[in-house]
Amino acid sequence: MGGGSSRPDPLAGSVIFTFDSTHMALKAEQVLKQARLPAMLIPVPRRLSSLCGLALKAEQACLAAVQEELERARIRVESIHCL
C-alpha cells in the first residue's frame, strides 16, 4: 500500500496571514483574541515561504472581520493567502 495516501489538507478553507516579524504575529493573535475572533498562530507553511516564522490562520468566513481588527490595531500584514 505505499502510494500517496491523500489526507485532507488541514489548511483548506483557511486564510493565512504572514507578518514581517514574529512580534507582529504575536500581537495580531492577541488583538484577535481580545476581539473574540477565531485565529491561531502556526508555523509559516513551506508552500508559502521557505523562511521560518509564525503566521496566523483564520477561517475564510472571518476574513473581513480579521482584516478590520488588524487595521484598527495598526498591525501590518505582509501577505494574505486564501487556501
PDB file of N, CA and C in Angstrom:
ATOM      1  N   MET A   1       0.805  -1.191   0.000  1.00  0.00           N
ATOM      2  CA  MET A   1       0.000   0.000   0.000  1.00  0.00           C
ATOM      3  C   MET A   1       0.848   1.254   0.000  1.00  0.00           C
ATOM      4  N   GLY A   2       1.769   1.414  -0.550  1.00  0.00           N
ATOM      5  CA  GLY A   2       2.521   2.621  -0.493  1.00  0.00           C
ATOM      6  C   GLY A   2       2.035   3.632  -1.456  1.00  0.00           C
ATOM      7  N   GLY A   3       1.992   4.383  -1.919  1.00  0.00           N
ATOM      8  CA  GLY A   3       1.480   5.276  -2.910  1.00  0.00           C
ATOM      9  C   GLY A   3       0.864   6.471  -2.283  1.00  0.00           C
ATOM     10  N   GLY A   4       0.763   7.517  -2.480  1.00  0.00           N
ATOM     11  CA  GLY A   4       0.327   8.702  -1.789  1.00  0.00           C
ATOM     12  C   GLY A   4      -1.053   8.621  -1.191  1.00  0.00           C
ATOM     13  N   SER A   5      -1.110   8.356   0.078  1.00  0.00           N
ATOM     14  CA  SER A   5      -2.416   8.415   0.731  1.00  0.00           C
ATOM     15  C   SER A   5      -2.826   9.878   0.768  1.00  0.00           C
ATOM     16  N   SER A   6      -4.027  10.117   0.354  1.00  0.00           N
ATOM     17  CA  SER A   6      -4.442  11.518   0.291  1.00  0.00           C
ATOM     18  C   SER A   6      -5.168  11.883   1.574  1.00  0.00           C
ATOM     19  N   ARG A   7      -4.458  12.610   2.409  1.00  0.00           N
ATOM     20  CA  ARG A   7      -5.049  13.111   3.644  1.00  0.00           C
ATOM     21  C   ARG A   7      -5.627  14.488   3.361  1.00  0.00           C
ATOM     22  N   PRO A   8      -6.692  14.842   4.048  1.00  0.00           N
ATOM     23  CA  PRO A   8      -7.257  16.171   3.830  1.00  0.00           C
ATOM     24  C   PRO A   8      -6.251  17.258   4.236  1.00  0.00           C
ATOM     25  N   ASP A   9      -6.245  18.328   3.523  1.00  0.00           N
ATOM     26  CA  ASP A   9      -5.355  19.446   3.808  1.00  0.00           C
ATOM     27  C   ASP A   9      -5.894  20.212   5.014  1.00  0.00           C
ATOM     28  N   PRO A  10      -5.124  20.265   6.122  1.00  0.00           N
ATOM     29  CA  PRO A  10      -5.618  20.956   7.322  1.00  0.00           C
ATOM     30  C   PRO A  10      -5.762  22.468   7.128  1.00  0.00           C
ATOM     31  N   LEU A  11      -5.195  22.997   6.062  1.00  0.00           N
ATOM     32  CA  LEU A  11      -5.292  24.433   5.809  1.00  0.00           C
ATOM     33  C   LEU A  11      -6.395  24.795   4.821  1.00  0.00           C
ATOM     34  N   ALA A  12      -7.040  23.789   4.240  1.00  0.00           N
ATOM     35  CA  ALA A  12      -8.100  24.049   3.259  1.00  0.00           C
ATOM     36  C   ALA A  12      -9.213  24.868   3.904  1.00  0.00           C
ATOM     37  N   GLY A  13      -9.660  25.893   3.215  1.00  0.00           N
ATOM     38  CA  GLY A  13     -10.717  26.752   3.735  1.00  0.00           C
ATOM     39  C   GLY A  13     -10.226  27.811   4.704  1.00  0.00           C
ATOM     40  N   SER A  14      -8.907  27.910   4.835  1.00  0.00           N
ATOM     41  CA  SER A  14      -8.321  28.869   5.767  1.00  0.00           C
ATOM     42  C   SER A  14      -7.738  30.069   5.037  1.00  0.00           C
ATOM     43  N   VAL A  15      -7.518  31.109   5.805  1.00  0.00           N
ATOM     44  CA  VAL A  15      -6.779  32.272   5.335  1.00  0.00           C
ATOM     45  C   VAL A  15      -5.524  32.348   6.201  1.00  0.00           C
ATOM     46  N   ILE A  16      -4.382  32.491   5.557  1.00  0.00           N
ATOM     47  CA  ILE A  16      -3.114  32.586   6.268  1.00  0.00           C
ATOM     48  C   ILE A  16      -2.576  34.002   6.115  1.00  0.00           C
ATOM     49  N   PHE A  17      -2.298  34.632   7.241  1.00  0.00           N
ATOM     50  CA  PHE A  17      -1.722  35.971   7.276  1.00  0.00           C
ATOM     51  C   PHE A  17      -0.262  35.834   7.666  1.00  0.00           C
ATOM     52  N   THR A  18       0.634  36.439   6.903  1.00  0.00           N
ATOM     53  CA  THR A  18       2.044  36.461   7.280  1.00  0.00           C
ATOM     54  C   THR A  18       2.422  37.887   7.660  1.00  0.00           C
ATOM     55  N   PHE A  19       3.478  37.985   8.454  1.00  0.00           N
ATOM     56  CA  PHE A  19       3.895  39.267   9.019  1.00  0.00           C
ATOM     57  C   PHE A  19       5.392  39.447   8.846  1.00  0.00           C
ATOM     58  N   ASP A  20       5.840  40.686   8.980  1.00  0.00           N
ATOM     59  CA  ASP A  20       7.263  40.993   8.844  1.00  0.00           C
ATOM     60  C   ASP A  20       8.098  40.456   9.998  1.00  0.00           C
ATOM     61  N   SER A  21       7.451  40.206  11.136  1.00  0.00           N
ATOM     62  CA  SER A  21       8.200  39.759  12.312  1.00  0.00           C
ATOM     63  C   SER A  21       7.343  38.865  13.193  1.00  0.00           C
ATOM     64  N   THR A  22       8.005  38.090  13.997  1.00  0.00           N
ATOM     65  CA  THR A  22       7.310  37.245  14.972  1.00  0.00           C
ATOM     66  C   THR A  22       6.540  38.116  15.956  1.00  0.00           C
ATOM     67  N   HIS A  23       7.112  39.244  16.305  1.00  0.00           N
ATOM     68  CA  HIS A  23       6.452  40.169  17.232  1.00  0.00           C
ATOM     69  C   HIS A  23       5.088  40.593  16.692  1.00  0.00           C
ATOM     70  N   MET A  24       5.016  40.930  15.397  1.00  0.00           N
ATOM     71  CA  MET A  24       3.737  41.340  14.800  1.00  0.00           C
ATOM     72  C   MET A  24       2.735  40.189  14.803  1.00  0.00           C
ATOM     73  N   ALA A  25       3.201  38.971  14.538  1.00  0.00           N
ATOM     74  CA  ALA A  25       2.304  37.814  14.551  1.00  0.00           C
ATOM     75  C   ALA A  25       1.727  37.598  15.949  1.00  0.00           C
ATOM     76  N   LEU A  26       2.563  37.716  16.963  1.00  0.00           N
ATOM     77  CA  LEU A  26       2.100  37.546  18.346  1.00  0.00           C
ATOM     78  C   LEU A  26       1.106  38.641  18.726  1.00  0.00           C
ATOM     79  N   LYS A  27       1.392  39.851  18.315  1.00  0.00           N
ATOM     80  CA  LYS A  27       0.485  40.966  18.604  1.00  0.00           C
ATOM     81  C   LYS A  27      -0.854  40.769  17.886  1.00  0.00           C
ATOM     82  N   ALA A  28      -0.808  40.293  16.652  1.00  0.00           N
ATOM     83  CA  ALA A  28      -2.039  40.040  15.894  1.00  0.00           C
ATOM     84  C   ALA A  28      -2.896  39.001  16.606  1.00  0.00           C
ATOM     85  N   GLU A  29      -2.264  37.945  17.083  1.00  0.00           N
ATOM     86  CA  GLU A  29      -3.016  36.915  17.797  1.00  0.00           C
ATOM     87  C   GLU A  29      -3.695  37.511  19.034  1.00  0.00           C
ATOM     88  N   GLN A  30      -2.976  38.323  19.765  1.00  0.00           N
ATOM     89  CA  GLN A  30      -3.521  38.943  20.972  1.00  0.00           C
ATOM     90  C   GLN A  30      -4.722  39.840  20.636  1.00  0.00           C
ATOM     91  N   VAL A  31      -4.599  40.645  19.602  1.00  0.00           N
ATOM     92  CA  VAL A  31      -5.676  41.551  19.187  1.00  0.00           C
ATOM     93  C   VAL A  31      -6.920  40.754  18.803  1.00  0.00           C
ATOM     94  N   LEU A  32      -6.728  39.679  18.055  1.00  0.00           N
ATOM     95  CA  LEU A  32      -7.877  38.888  17.601  1.00  0.00           C
ATOM     96  C   LEU A  32      -8.524  38.118  18.747  1.00  0.00           C
ATOM     97  N   LYS A  33      -7.730  37.674  19.708  1.00  0.00           N
ATOM     98  CA  LYS A  33      -8.313  37.013  20.885  1.00  0.00           C
ATOM     99  C   LYS A  33      -9.172  37.992  21.670  1.00  0.00           C
ATOM    100  N   GLN A  34      -8.679  39.207  21.835  1.00  0.00           N
ATOM    101  CA  GLN A  34      -9.449  40.223  22.555  1.00  0.00           C
ATOM    102  C   GLN A  34     -10.750  40.547  21.826  1.00  0.00           C
ATOM    103  N   ALA A  35     -10.712  40.464  20.499  1.00  0.00           N
ATOM    104  CA  ALA A  35     -11.915  40.731  19.696  1.00  0.00           C
ATOM    105  C   ALA A  35     -12.794  39.484  19.572  1.00  0.00           C
ATOM    106  N   ARG A  36     -12.360  38.395  20.183  1.00  0.00           N
ATOM    107  CA  ARG A  36     -13.086  37.111  20.143  1.00  0.00           C
ATOM    108  C   ARG A  36     -13.280  36.588  18.718  1.00  0.00           C
ATOM    109  N   LEU A  37     -12.253  36.775  17.917  1.00  0.00           N
ATOM    110  CA  LEU A  37     -12.258  36.222  16.565  1.00  0.00           C
ATOM    111  C   LEU A  37     -11.395  34.968  16.559  1.00  0.00           C
ATOM    112  N   PRO A  38     -11.884  33.892  15.951  1.00  0.00           N
ATOM    113  CA  PRO A  38     -11.122  32.645  15.955  1.00  0.00           C
ATOM    114  C   PRO A  38      -9.909  32.734  15.039  1.00  0.00           C
ATOM    115  N   ALA A  39      -8.742  32.595  15.628  1.00  0.00           N
ATOM    116  CA  ALA A  39      -7.490  32.610  14.875  1.00  0.00           C
ATOM    117  C   ALA A  39      -6.433  31.923  15.722  1.00  0.00           C
ATOM    118  N   MET A  40      -5.448  31.347  15.060  1.00  0.00           N
ATOM    119  CA  MET A  40      -4.371  30.701  15.811  1.00  0.00           C
ATOM    120  C   MET A  40      -3.046  30.865  15.096  1.00  0.00           C
ATOM    121  N   LEU A  41      -1.982  30.923  15.879  1.00  0.00           N
ATOM    122  CA  LEU A  41      -0.649  31.009  15.308  1.00  0.00           C
ATOM    123  C   LEU A  41      -0.207  29.633  14.837  1.00  0.00           C
ATOM    124  N   ILE A  42       0.455  29.617  13.682  1.00  0.00           N
ATOM    125  CA  ILE A  42       1.005  28.380  13.126  1.00  0.00           C
ATOM    126  C   ILE A  42       2.367  28.705  12.532  1.00  0.00           C
ATOM    127  N   PRO A  43       3.213  27.700  12.335  1.00  0.00           N
ATOM    128  CA  PRO A  43       4.443  27.954  11.584  1.00  0.00           C
ATOM    129  C   PRO A  43       4.071  28.343  10.149  1.00  0.00           C
ATOM    130  N   VAL A  44       4.831  29.229   9.553  1.00  0.00           N
ATOM    131  CA  VAL A  44       4.554  29.611   8.161  1.00  0.00           C
ATOM    132  C   VAL A  44       4.644  28.353   7.293  1.00  0.00           C
ATOM    133  N   PRO A  45       3.581  28.015   6.571  1.00  0.00           N
ATOM    134  CA  PRO A  45       3.616  26.817   5.725  1.00  0.00           C
ATOM    135  C   PRO A  45       4.715  26.917   4.665  1.00  0.00           C
ATOM    136  N   ARG A  46       5.425  25.842   4.448  1.00  0.00           N
ATOM    137  CA  ARG A  46       6.532  25.831   3.482  1.00  0.00           C
ATOM    138  C   ARG A  46       6.085  26.213   2.083  1.00  0.00           C
ATOM    139  N   ARG A  47       4.859  25.879   1.728  1.00  0.00           N
ATOM    140  CA  ARG A  47       4.399  26.225   0.376  1.00  0.00           C
ATOM    141  C   ARG A  47       4.225  27.721   0.185  1.00  0.00           C
ATOM    142  N   LEU A  48       4.206  28.486   1.291  1.00  0.00           N
ATOM    143  CA  LEU A  48       4.066  29.940   1.190  1.00  0.00           C
ATOM    144  C   LEU A  48       5.404  30.658   1.289  1.00  0.00           C
ATOM    145  N   SER A  49       6.330  30.084   2.053  1.00  0.00           N
ATOM    146  CA  SER A  49       7.631  30.725   2.233  1.00  0.00           C
ATOM    147  C   SER A  49       8.631  29.707   2.757  1.00  0.00           C
ATOM    148  N   SER A  50       9.862  29.831   2.319  1.00  0.00           N
ATOM    149  CA  SER A  50      10.908  28.947   2.825  1.00  0.00           C
ATOM    150  C   SER A  50      11.484  29.486   4.130  1.00  0.00           C
ATOM    151  N   LEU A  51      11.110  30.706   4.482  1.00  0.00           N
ATOM    152  CA  LEU A  51      11.585  31.281   5.735  1.00  0.00           C
ATOM    153  C   LEU A  51      10.802  30.697   6.897  1.00  0.00           C
ATOM    154  N   CYS A  52      11.462  30.561   8.045  1.00  0.00           N
ATOM    155  CA  CYS A  52      10.690  30.108   9.193  1.00  0.00           C
ATOM    156  C   CYS A  52      10.076  31.326   9.862  1.00  0.00           C
ATOM    157  N   GLY A  53       9.128  31.085  10.682  1.00  0.00           N
ATOM    158  CA  GLY A  53       8.446  32.163  11.366  1.00  0.00           C
ATOM    159  C   GLY A  53       7.021  31.762  11.672  1.00  0.00           C
ATOM    160  N   LEU A  54       6.267  32.712  12.165  1.00  0.00           N
ATOM    161  CA  LEU A  54       4.890  32.449  12.549  1.00  0.00           C
ATOM    162  C   LEU A  54       3.925  33.131  11.594  1.00  0.00           C
ATOM    163  N   ALA A  55       2.817  32.482  11.383  1.00  0.00           N
ATOM    164  CA  ALA A  55       1.724  33.026  10.581  1.00  0.00           C
ATOM    165  C   ALA A  55       0.451  32.887  11.404  1.00  0.00           C
ATOM    166  N   LEU A  56      -0.579  33.550  10.977  1.00  0.00           N
ATOM    167  CA  LEU A  56      -1.864  33.487  11.651  1.00  0.00           C
ATOM    168  C   LEU A  56      -2.858  32.796  10.731  1.00  0.00           C
ATOM    169  N   LYS A  57      -3.549  31.807  11.268  1.00  0.00           N
ATOM    170  CA  LYS A  57      -4.547  31.057  10.497  1.00  0.00           C
ATOM    171  C   LYS A  57      -5.936  31.455  10.986  1.00  0.00           C
ATOM    172  N   ALA A  58      -6.813  31.803  10.039  1.00  0.00           N
ATOM    173  CA  ALA A  58      -8.195  32.146  10.360  1.00  0.00           C
ATOM    174  C   ALA A  58      -9.102  31.493   9.322  1.00  0.00           C
ATOM    175  N   GLU A  59     -10.379  31.447   9.610  1.00  0.00           N
ATOM    176  CA  GLU A  59     -11.337  30.890   8.655  1.00  0.00           C
ATOM    177  C   GLU A  59     -11.670  31.945   7.602  1.00  0.00           C
ATOM    178  N   GLN A  60     -11.892  31.498   6.366  1.00  0.00           N
ATOM    179  CA  GLN A  60     -12.212  32.435   5.292  1.00  0.00           C
ATOM    180  C   GLN A  60     -13.468  33.241   5.604  1.00  0.00           C
ATOM    181  N   ALA A  61     -14.401  32.649   6.314  1.00  0.00           N
ATOM    182  CA  ALA A  61     -15.642  33.354   6.661  1.00  0.00           C
ATOM    183  C   ALA A  61     -15.375  34.573   7.544  1.00  0.00           C
ATOM    184  N   CYS A  62     -14.248  34.597   8.216  1.00  0.00           N
ATOM    185  CA  CYS A  62     -13.908  35.696   9.127  1.00  0.00           C
ATOM    186  C   CYS A  62     -12.930  36.692   8.513  1.00  0.00           C
ATOM    187  N   LEU A  63     -12.615  36.540   7.251  1.00  0.00           N
ATOM    188  CA  LEU A  63     -11.576  37.357   6.612  1.00  0.00           C
ATOM    189  C   LEU A  63     -11.789  38.856   6.812  1.00  0.00           C
ATOM    190  N   ALA A  64     -12.955  39.356   6.489  1.00  0.00           N
ATOM    191  CA  ALA A  64     -13.201  40.799   6.594  1.00  0.00           C
ATOM    192  C   ALA A  64     -13.063  41.291   8.029  1.00  0.00           C
ATOM    193  N   ALA A  65     -13.605  40.545   8.976  1.00  0.00           N
ATOM    194  CA  ALA A  65     -13.544  40.948  10.386  1.00  0.00           C
ATOM    195  C   ALA A  65     -12.103  40.936  10.895  1.00  0.00           C
ATOM    196  N   VAL A  66     -11.336  39.927  10.491  1.00  0.00           N
ATOM    197  CA  VAL A  66      -9.931  39.842  10.915  1.00  0.00           C
ATOM    198  C   VAL A  66      -9.147  41.016  10.328  1.00  0.00           C
ATOM    199  N   GLN A  67      -9.326  41.273   9.045  1.00  0.00           N
ATOM    200  CA  GLN A  67      -8.624  42.395   8.423  1.00  0.00           C
ATOM    201  C   GLN A  67      -8.966  43.715   9.105  1.00  0.00           C
ATOM    202  N   GLU A  68     -10.237  43.899   9.415  1.00  0.00           N
ATOM    203  CA  GLU A  68     -10.677  45.128  10.066  1.00  0.00           C
ATOM    204  C   GLU A  68     -10.011  45.306  11.431  1.00  0.00           C
ATOM    205  N   GLU A  69      -9.974  44.243  12.221  1.00  0.00           N
ATOM    206  CA  GLU A  69      -9.346  44.323  13.549  1.00  0.00           C
ATOM    207  C   GLU A  69      -7.852  44.597  13.450  1.00  0.00           C
ATOM    208  N   LEU A  70      -7.183  43.936  12.509  1.00  0.00           N
ATOM    209  CA  LEU A  70      -5.740  44.155  12.354  1.00  0.00           C
ATOM    210  C   LEU A  70      -5.457  45.581  11.891  1.00  0.00           C
ATOM    211  N   GLU A  71      -6.279  46.112  11.002  1.00  0.00           N
ATOM    212  CA  GLU A  71      -6.118  47.509  10.564  1.00  0.00           C
ATOM    213  C   GLU A  71      -6.354  48.457  11.725  1.00  0.00           C
ATOM    214  N   ARG A  72      -7.392  48.192  12.500  1.00  0.00           N
ATOM    215  CA  ARG A  72      -7.718  49.042  13.652  1.00  0.00           C
ATOM    216  C   ARG A  72      -6.550  49.082  14.640  1.00  0.00           C
ATOM    217  N   ALA A  73      -5.879  47.947  14.808  1.00  0.00           N
ATOM    218  CA  ALA A  73      -4.753  47.864  15.739  1.00  0.00           C
ATOM    219  C   ALA A  73      -3.430  48.289  15.097  1.00  0.00           C
ATOM    220  N   ARG A  74      -3.500  48.680  13.823  1.00  0.00           N
ATOM    221  CA  ARG A  74      -2.310  49.117  13.072  1.00  0.00           C
ATOM    222  C   ARG A  74      -1.237  48.044  12.989  1.00  0.00           C
ATOM    223  N   ILE A  75      -1.698  46.835  12.753  1.00  0.00           N
ATOM    224  CA  ILE A  75      -0.769  45.710  12.573  1.00  0.00           C
ATOM    225  C   ILE A  75      -0.576  45.509  11.070  1.00  0.00           C
ATOM    226  N   ARG A  76       0.668  45.612  10.644  1.00  0.00           N
ATOM    227  CA  ARG A  76       0.980  45.452   9.228  1.00  0.00           C
ATOM    228  C   ARG A  76       1.029  43.982   8.847  1.00  0.00           C
ATOM    229  N   VAL A  77       0.258  43.631   7.866  1.00  0.00           N
ATOM    230  CA  VAL A  77       0.231  42.272   7.342  1.00  0.00           C
ATOM    231  C   VAL A  77       1.127  42.234   6.111  1.00  0.00           C
ATOM    232  N   GLU A  78       2.016  41.264   6.065  1.00  0.00           N
ATOM    233  CA  GLU A  78       2.915  41.142   4.915  1.00  0.00           C
ATOM    234  C   GLU A  78       2.166  40.562   3.706  1.00  0.00           C
ATOM    235  N   SER A  79       1.415  39.473   3.930  1.00  0.00           N
ATOM    236  CA  SER A  79       0.653  38.869   2.840  1.00  0.00           C
ATOM    237  C   SER A  79      -0.531  38.093   3.411  1.00  0.00           C
ATOM    238  N   ILE A  80      -1.526  37.884   2.527  1.00  0.00           N
ATOM    239  CA  ILE A  80      -2.728  37.131   2.876  1.00  0.00           C
ATOM    240  C   ILE A  80      -2.905  36.057   1.811  1.00  0.00           C
ATOM    241  N   HIS A  81      -3.094  34.811   2.259  1.00  0.00           N
ATOM    242  CA  HIS A  81      -3.240  33.676   1.345  1.00  0.00           C
ATOM    243  C   HIS A  81      -4.527  32.930   1.669  1.00  0.00           C
ATOM    244  N   CYS A  82      -5.452  32.881   0.724  1.00  0.00           N
ATOM    245  CA  CYS A  82      -6.673  32.092   0.879  1.00  0.00           C
ATOM    246  C   CYS A  82      -6.401  30.705   0.319  1.00  0.00           C
ATOM    247  N   LEU A  83      -6.536  29.693   1.163  1.00  0.00           N
ATOM    248  CA  LEU A  83      -6.211  28.326   0.749  1.00  0.00           C
ATOM    249  C   LEU A  83      -7.456  27.473   0.605  1.00  0.00           C
TER     250      LEU A  83
END
